[in-house]
Amino acid sequence: MKLYSVSIPYTEKQIRHIRNELIKRNHPDVTENGGGDAEKCREILQAYQILLKYISPETGDSGSENS
């Protein structure tokens, strides 16, 4: 979660927004002069998939730390 800088509880909307911002800053096809990092984009997407696994389908959030 360090890459996304989110704390529990978090929502799918929060991590989707963070993912989009990180991709905009790091994608080689989007950044000026092709200065993006494809490996960093893979890490961002992998972290996003991991975070999604912890979101409750009923509530759309990760729940509290104490649950």
PDB file of N, CA and C in Angstrom:
ATOM      1  N   MET A   1       0.812  -1.189   0.000  1.00  0.00           N
ATOM      2  CA  MET A   1       0.000   0.000   0.000  1.00  0.00           C
ATOM      3  C   MET A   1       0.859   1.258   0.000  1.00  0.00           C
ATOM      4  N   LYS A   2       2.135   1.103   0.184  1.00  0.00           N
ATOM      5  CA  LYS A   2       3.009   2.277   0.198  1.00  0.00           C
ATOM      6  C   LYS A   2       2.956   3.014  -1.142  1.00  0.00           C
ATOM      7  N   LEU A   3       2.900   2.280  -2.224  1.00  0.00           N
ATOM      8  CA  LEU A   3       2.837   2.875  -3.557  1.00  0.00           C
ATOM      9  C   LEU A   3       1.601   3.752  -3.697  1.00  0.00           C
ATOM     10  N   TYR A   4       0.485   3.307  -3.127  1.00  0.00           N
ATOM     11  CA  TYR A   4      -0.774   4.036  -3.237  1.00  0.00           C
ATOM     12  C   TYR A   4      -0.989   5.034  -2.109  1.00  0.00           C
ATOM     13  N   SER A   5      -0.251   4.940  -1.054  1.00  0.00           N
ATOM     14  CA  SER A   5      -0.355   5.856   0.085  1.00  0.00           C
ATOM     15  C   SER A   5      -1.782   5.974   0.608  1.00  0.00           C
ATOM     16  N   VAL A   6      -2.438   4.835   0.768  1.00  0.00           N
ATOM     17  CA  VAL A   6      -3.787   4.825   1.334  1.00  0.00           C
ATOM     18  C   VAL A   6      -3.735   4.143   2.696  1.00  0.00           C
ATOM     19  N   SER A   7      -4.666   4.520   3.534  1.00  0.00           N
ATOM     20  CA  SER A   7      -4.758   3.868   4.831  1.00  0.00           C
ATOM     21  C   SER A   7      -6.123   3.193   4.935  1.00  0.00           C
ATOM     22  N   ILE A   8      -6.199   2.219   5.787  1.00  0.00           N
ATOM     23  CA  ILE A   8      -7.432   1.472   5.986  1.00  0.00           C
ATOM     24  C   ILE A   8      -8.354   2.288   6.854  1.00  0.00           C
ATOM     25  N   PRO A   9      -9.607   2.427   6.548  1.00  0.00           N
ATOM     26  CA  PRO A   9     -10.311   1.874   5.389  1.00  0.00           C
ATOM     27  C   PRO A   9     -10.127   2.749   4.145  1.00  0.00           C
ATOM     28  N   TYR A  10     -10.197   2.128   2.992  1.00  0.00           N
ATOM     29  CA  TYR A  10     -10.123   2.836   1.722  1.00  0.00           C
ATOM     30  C   TYR A  10     -11.244   2.325   0.827  1.00  0.00           C
ATOM     31  N   THR A  11     -11.596   3.118  -0.156  1.00  0.00           N
ATOM     32  CA  THR A  11     -12.672   2.725  -1.069  1.00  0.00           C
ATOM     33  C   THR A  11     -12.104   2.429  -2.449  1.00  0.00           C
ATOM     34  N   GLU A  12     -12.886   1.711  -3.234  1.00  0.00           N
ATOM     35  CA  GLU A  12     -12.480   1.413  -4.602  1.00  0.00           C
ATOM     36  C   GLU A  12     -12.307   2.707  -5.391  1.00  0.00           C
ATOM     37  N   LYS A  13     -13.165   3.671  -5.136  1.00  0.00           N
ATOM     38  CA  LYS A  13     -13.075   4.960  -5.828  1.00  0.00           C
ATOM     39  C   LYS A  13     -11.741   5.649  -5.521  1.00  0.00           C
ATOM     40  N   GLN A  14     -11.303   5.593  -4.258  1.00  0.00           N
ATOM     41  CA  GLN A  14     -10.028   6.210  -3.871  1.00  0.00           C
ATOM     42  C   GLN A  14      -8.856   5.570  -4.599  1.00  0.00           C
ATOM     43  N   ILE A  15      -8.799   4.239  -4.580  1.00  0.00           N
ATOM     44  CA  ILE A  15      -7.637   3.590  -5.198  1.00  0.00           C
ATOM     45  C   ILE A  15      -7.684   3.687  -6.716  1.00  0.00           C
ATOM     46  N   ARG A  16      -8.885   3.714  -7.303  1.00  0.00           N
ATOM     47  CA  ARG A  16      -8.993   3.887  -8.755  1.00  0.00           C
ATOM     48  C   ARG A  16      -8.473   5.272  -9.147  1.00  0.00           C
ATOM     49  N   HIS A  17      -8.819   6.299  -8.370  1.00  0.00           N
ATOM     50  CA  HIS A  17      -8.346   7.655  -8.642  1.00  0.00           C
ATOM     51  C   HIS A  17      -6.813   7.724  -8.520  1.00  0.00           C
ATOM     52  N   ILE A  18      -6.275   7.157  -7.469  1.00  0.00           N
ATOM     53  CA  ILE A  18      -4.820   7.160  -7.272  1.00  0.00           C
ATOM     54  C   ILE A  18      -4.130   6.403  -8.399  1.00  0.00           C
ATOM     55  N   ARG A  19      -4.693   5.224  -8.771  1.00  0.00           N
ATOM     56  CA  ARG A  19      -4.114   4.448  -9.877  1.00  0.00           C
ATOM     57  C   ARG A  19      -4.063   5.292 -11.145  1.00  0.00           C
ATOM     58  N   ASN A  20      -5.154   5.971 -11.471  1.00  0.00           N
ATOM     59  CA  ASN A  20      -5.192   6.783 -12.690  1.00  0.00           C
ATOM     60  C   ASN A  20      -4.148   7.896 -12.670  1.00  0.00           C
ATOM     61  N   GLU A  21      -3.989   8.544 -11.538  1.00  0.00           N
ATOM     62  CA  GLU A  21      -2.984   9.611 -11.419  1.00  0.00           C
ATOM     63  C   GLU A  21      -1.567   9.056 -11.573  1.00  0.00           C
ATOM     64  N   LEU A  22      -1.305   7.920 -10.946  1.00  0.00           N
ATOM     65  CA  LEU A  22       0.031   7.310 -11.043  1.00  0.00           C
ATOM     66  C   LEU A  22       0.336   6.871 -12.476  1.00  0.00           C
ATOM     67  N   ILE A  23      -0.656   6.311 -13.147  1.00  0.00           N
ATOM     68  CA  ILE A  23      -0.458   5.881 -14.533  1.00  0.00           C
ATOM     69  C   ILE A  23      -0.193   7.093 -15.424  1.00  0.00           C
ATOM     70  N   LYS A  24      -0.933   8.173 -15.223  1.00  0.00           N
ATOM     71  CA  LYS A  24      -0.710   9.390 -16.020  1.00  0.00           C
ATOM     72  C   LYS A  24       0.722   9.892 -15.879  1.00  0.00           C
ATOM     73  N   ARG A  25       1.274   9.776 -14.665  1.00  0.00           N
ATOM     74  CA  ARG A  25       2.634  10.274 -14.417  1.00  0.00           C
ATOM     75  C   ARG A  25       3.718   9.329 -14.911  1.00  0.00           C
ATOM     76  N   ASN A  26       3.393   8.035 -15.082  1.00  0.00           N
ATOM     77  CA  ASN A  26       4.436   7.057 -15.365  1.00  0.00           C
ATOM     78  C   ASN A  26       4.321   6.320 -16.690  1.00  0.00           C
ATOM     79  N   HIS A  27       3.211   6.427 -17.393  1.00  0.00           N
ATOM     80  CA  HIS A  27       3.024   5.654 -18.621  1.00  0.00           C
ATOM     81  C   HIS A  27       3.896   6.215 -19.744  1.00  0.00           C
ATOM     82  N   PRO A  28       4.659   5.354 -20.408  1.00  0.00           N
ATOM     83  CA  PRO A  28       5.577   5.821 -21.456  1.00  0.00           C
ATOM     84  C   PRO A  28       4.866   6.470 -22.650  1.00  0.00           C
ATOM     85  N   ASP A  29       3.637   6.056 -22.955  1.00  0.00           N
ATOM     86  CA  ASP A  29       2.923   6.618 -24.098  1.00  0.00           C
ATOM     87  C   ASP A  29       2.237   7.943 -23.774  1.00  0.00           C
ATOM     88  N   VAL A  30       2.109   8.269 -22.504  1.00  0.00           N
ATOM     89  CA  VAL A  30       1.375   9.462 -22.101  1.00  0.00           C
ATOM     90  C   VAL A  30       2.316  10.594 -21.696  1.00  0.00           C
ATOM     91  N   THR A  31       3.422  10.264 -21.082  1.00  0.00           N
ATOM     92  CA  THR A  31       4.338  11.293 -20.599  1.00  0.00           C
ATOM     93  C   THR A  31       5.084  11.945 -21.754  1.00  0.00           C
ATOM     94  N   GLU A  32       5.486  13.185 -21.544  1.00  0.00           N
ATOM     95  CA  GLU A  32       6.241  13.897 -22.571  1.00  0.00           C
ATOM     96  C   GLU A  32       7.583  13.219 -22.810  1.00  0.00           C
ATOM     97  N   ASN A  33       8.015  13.212 -24.043  1.00  0.00           N
ATOM     98  CA  ASN A  33       9.310  12.650 -24.444  1.00  0.00           C
ATOM     99  C   ASN A  33       9.436  11.169 -24.136  1.00  0.00           C
ATOM    100  N   GLY A  34       8.320  10.471 -23.935  1.00  0.00           N
ATOM    101  CA  GLY A  34       8.378   9.035 -23.662  1.00  0.00           C
ATOM    102  C   GLY A  34       9.149   8.707 -22.403  1.00  0.00           C
ATOM    103  N   GLY A  35       9.139   9.608 -21.439  1.00  0.00           N
ATOM    104  CA  GLY A  35       9.937   9.439 -20.233  1.00  0.00           C
ATOM    105  C   GLY A  35       9.318   8.559 -19.170  1.00  0.00           C
ATOM    106  N   GLY A  36       8.208   7.891 -19.479  1.00  0.00           N
ATOM    107  CA  GLY A  36       7.554   7.040 -18.494  1.00  0.00           C
ATOM    108  C   GLY A  36       8.322   5.755 -18.247  1.00  0.00           C
ATOM    109  N   ASP A  37       7.815   4.988 -17.327  1.00  0.00           N
ATOM    110  CA  ASP A  37       8.476   3.752 -16.916  1.00  0.00           C
ATOM    111  C   ASP A  37       7.471   2.610 -16.984  1.00  0.00           C
ATOM    112  N   ALA A  38       7.636   1.729 -17.970  1.00  0.00           N
ATOM    113  CA  ALA A  38       6.707   0.617 -18.162  1.00  0.00           C
ATOM    114  C   ALA A  38       6.699  -0.318 -16.957  1.00  0.00           C
ATOM    115  N   GLU A  39       7.848  -0.550 -16.358  1.00  0.00           N
ATOM    116  CA  GLU A  39       7.921  -1.425 -15.182  1.00  0.00           C
ATOM    117  C   GLU A  39       7.150  -0.825 -14.011  1.00  0.00           C
ATOM    118  N   LYS A  40       7.267   0.469 -13.827  1.00  0.00           N
ATOM    119  CA  LYS A  40       6.523   1.157 -12.760  1.00  0.00           C
ATOM    120  C   LYS A  40       5.022   1.021 -13.006  1.00  0.00           C
ATOM    121  N   CYS A  41       4.590   1.121 -14.251  1.00  0.00           N
ATOM    122  CA  CYS A  41       3.171   0.947 -14.581  1.00  0.00           C
ATOM    123  C   CYS A  41       2.699  -0.455 -14.226  1.00  0.00           C
ATOM    124  N   ARG A  42       3.514  -1.454 -14.486  1.00  0.00           N
ATOM    125  CA  ARG A  42       3.154  -2.827 -14.108  1.00  0.00           C
ATOM    126  C   ARG A  42       3.014  -2.948 -12.596  1.00  0.00           C
ATOM    127  N   GLU A  43       3.913  -2.320 -11.844  1.00  0.00           N
ATOM    128  CA  GLU A  43       3.835  -2.341 -10.379  1.00  0.00           C
ATOM    129  C   GLU A  43       2.559  -1.657  -9.889  1.00  0.00           C
ATOM    130  N   ILE A  44       2.209  -0.545 -10.506  1.00  0.00           N
ATOM    131  CA  ILE A  44       1.002   0.196 -10.136  1.00  0.00           C
ATOM    132  C   ILE A  44      -0.231  -0.680 -10.348  1.00  0.00           C
ATOM    133  N   LEU A  45      -0.316  -1.316 -11.504  1.00  0.00           N
ATOM    134  CA  LEU A  45      -1.472  -2.156 -11.812  1.00  0.00           C
ATOM    135  C   LEU A  45      -1.533  -3.393 -10.923  1.00  0.00           C
ATOM    136  N   GLN A  46      -0.380  -3.963 -10.610  1.00  0.00           N
ATOM    137  CA  GLN A  46      -0.335  -5.129  -9.721  1.00  0.00           C
ATOM    138  C   GLN A  46      -0.795  -4.742  -8.311  1.00  0.00           C
ATOM    139  N   ALA A  47      -0.342  -3.617  -7.824  1.00  0.00           N
ATOM    140  CA  ALA A  47      -0.758  -3.149  -6.500  1.00  0.00           C
ATOM    141  C   ALA A  47      -2.257  -2.862  -6.488  1.00  0.00           C
ATOM    142  N   TYR A  48      -2.783  -2.309  -7.561  1.00  0.00           N
ATOM    143  CA  TYR A  48      -4.210  -2.035  -7.667  1.00  0.00           C
ATOM    144  C   TYR A  48      -5.014  -3.331  -7.551  1.00  0.00           C
ATOM    145  N   GLN A  49      -4.589  -4.359  -8.266  1.00  0.00           N
ATOM    146  CA  GLN A  49      -5.286  -5.649  -8.210  1.00  0.00           C
ATOM    147  C   GLN A  49      -5.264  -6.234  -6.802  1.00  0.00           C
ATOM    148  N   ILE A  50      -4.149  -6.109  -6.115  1.00  0.00           N
ATOM    149  CA  ILE A  50      -4.043  -6.613  -4.741  1.00  0.00           C
ATOM    150  C   ILE A  50      -4.986  -5.845  -3.825  1.00  0.00           C
ATOM    151  N   LEU A  51      -5.007  -4.534  -3.936  1.00  0.00           N
ATOM    152  CA  LEU A  51      -5.894  -3.721  -3.094  1.00  0.00           C
ATOM    153  C   LEU A  51      -7.364  -4.040  -3.351  1.00  0.00           C
ATOM    154  N   LEU A  52      -7.715  -4.315  -4.607  1.00  0.00           N
ATOM    155  CA  LEU A  52      -9.106  -4.639  -4.931  1.00  0.00           C
ATOM    156  C   LEU A  52      -9.572  -5.904  -4.216  1.00  0.00           C
ATOM    157  N   LYS A  53      -8.669  -6.828  -3.982  1.00  0.00           N
ATOM    158  CA  LYS A  53      -9.034  -8.087  -3.313  1.00  0.00           C
ATOM    159  C   LYS A  53      -9.525  -7.861  -1.893  1.00  0.00           C
ATOM    160  N   TYR A  54      -9.147  -6.749  -1.288  1.00  0.00           N
ATOM    161  CA  TYR A  54      -9.502  -6.479   0.098  1.00  0.00           C
ATOM    162  C   TYR A  54     -10.724  -5.585   0.253  1.00  0.00           C
ATOM    163  N   ILE A  55     -11.364  -5.261  -0.859  1.00  0.00           N
ATOM    164  CA  ILE A  55     -12.552  -4.414  -0.793  1.00  0.00           C
ATOM    165  C   ILE A  55     -13.783  -5.302  -0.706  1.00  0.00           C
ATOM    166  N   SER A  56     -14.654  -4.992   0.230  1.00  0.00           N
ATOM    167  CA  SER A  56     -15.897  -5.729   0.412  1.00  0.00           C
ATOM    168  C   SER A  56     -16.854  -5.405  -0.726  1.00  0.00           C
ATOM    169  N   PRO A  57     -17.398  -6.427  -1.398  1.00  0.00           N
ATOM    170  CA  PRO A  57     -18.336  -6.152  -2.475  1.00  0.00           C
ATOM    171  C   PRO A  57     -19.631  -5.512  -1.978  1.00  0.00           C
ATOM    172  N   GLU A  58     -20.000  -5.742  -0.731  1.00  0.00           N
ATOM    173  CA  GLU A  58     -21.230  -5.182  -0.188  1.00  0.00           C
ATOM    174  C   GLU A  58     -21.110  -3.681   0.080  1.00  0.00           C
ATOM    175  N   THR A  59     -19.981  -3.265   0.639  1.00  0.00           N
ATOM    176  CA  THR A  59     -19.842  -1.872   1.052  1.00  0.00           C
ATOM    177  C   THR A  59     -18.989  -1.034   0.112  1.00  0.00           C
ATOM    178  N   GLY A  60     -18.144  -1.670  -0.687  1.00  0.00           N
ATOM    179  CA  GLY A  60     -17.266  -0.926  -1.587  1.00  0.00           C
ATOM    180  C   GLY A  60     -16.059  -0.331  -0.887  1.00  0.00           C
ATOM    181  N   ASP A  61     -15.828  -0.737   0.383  1.00  0.00           N
ATOM    182  CA  ASP A  61     -14.628  -0.252   1.082  1.00  0.00           C
ATOM    183  C   ASP A  61     -13.894  -1.418   1.724  1.00  0.00           C
ATOM    184  N   SER A  62     -12.747  -1.104   2.297  1.00  0.00           N
ATOM    185  CA  SER A  62     -11.863  -2.139   2.849  1.00  0.00           C
ATOM    186  C   SER A  62     -12.212  -2.497   4.286  1.00  0.00           C
ATOM    187  N   GLY A  63     -13.180  -1.847   4.879  1.00  0.00           N
ATOM    188  CA  GLY A  63     -13.522  -2.124   6.267  1.00  0.00           C
ATOM    189  C   GLY A  63     -12.556  -1.421   7.192  1.00  0.00           C
ATOM    190  N   SER A  64     -12.747  -1.618   8.472  1.00  0.00           N
ATOM    191  CA  SER A  64     -11.865  -0.960   9.445  1.00  0.00           C
ATOM    192  C   SER A  64     -10.732  -1.896   9.816  1.00  0.00           C
ATOM    193  N   GLU A  65      -9.723  -1.332  10.442  1.00  0.00           N
ATOM    194  CA  GLU A  65      -8.572  -2.115  10.866  1.00  0.00           C
ATOM    195  C   GLU A  65      -8.945  -3.158  11.903  1.00  0.00           C
ATOM    196  N   ASN A  66      -9.989  -2.898  12.671  1.00  0.00           N
ATOM    197  CA  ASN A  66     -10.348  -3.764  13.774  1.00  0.00           C
ATOM    198  C   ASN A  66     -11.332  -4.846  13.412  1.00  0.00           C
ATOM    199  N   SER A  67     -11.754  -4.962  12.165  1.00  0.00           N
ATOM    200  CA  SER A  67     -12.721  -5.993  11.832  1.00  0.00           C
ATOM    201  C   SER A  67     -12.094  -7.276  11.386  1.00  0.00           C
TER     202      SER A  67
END
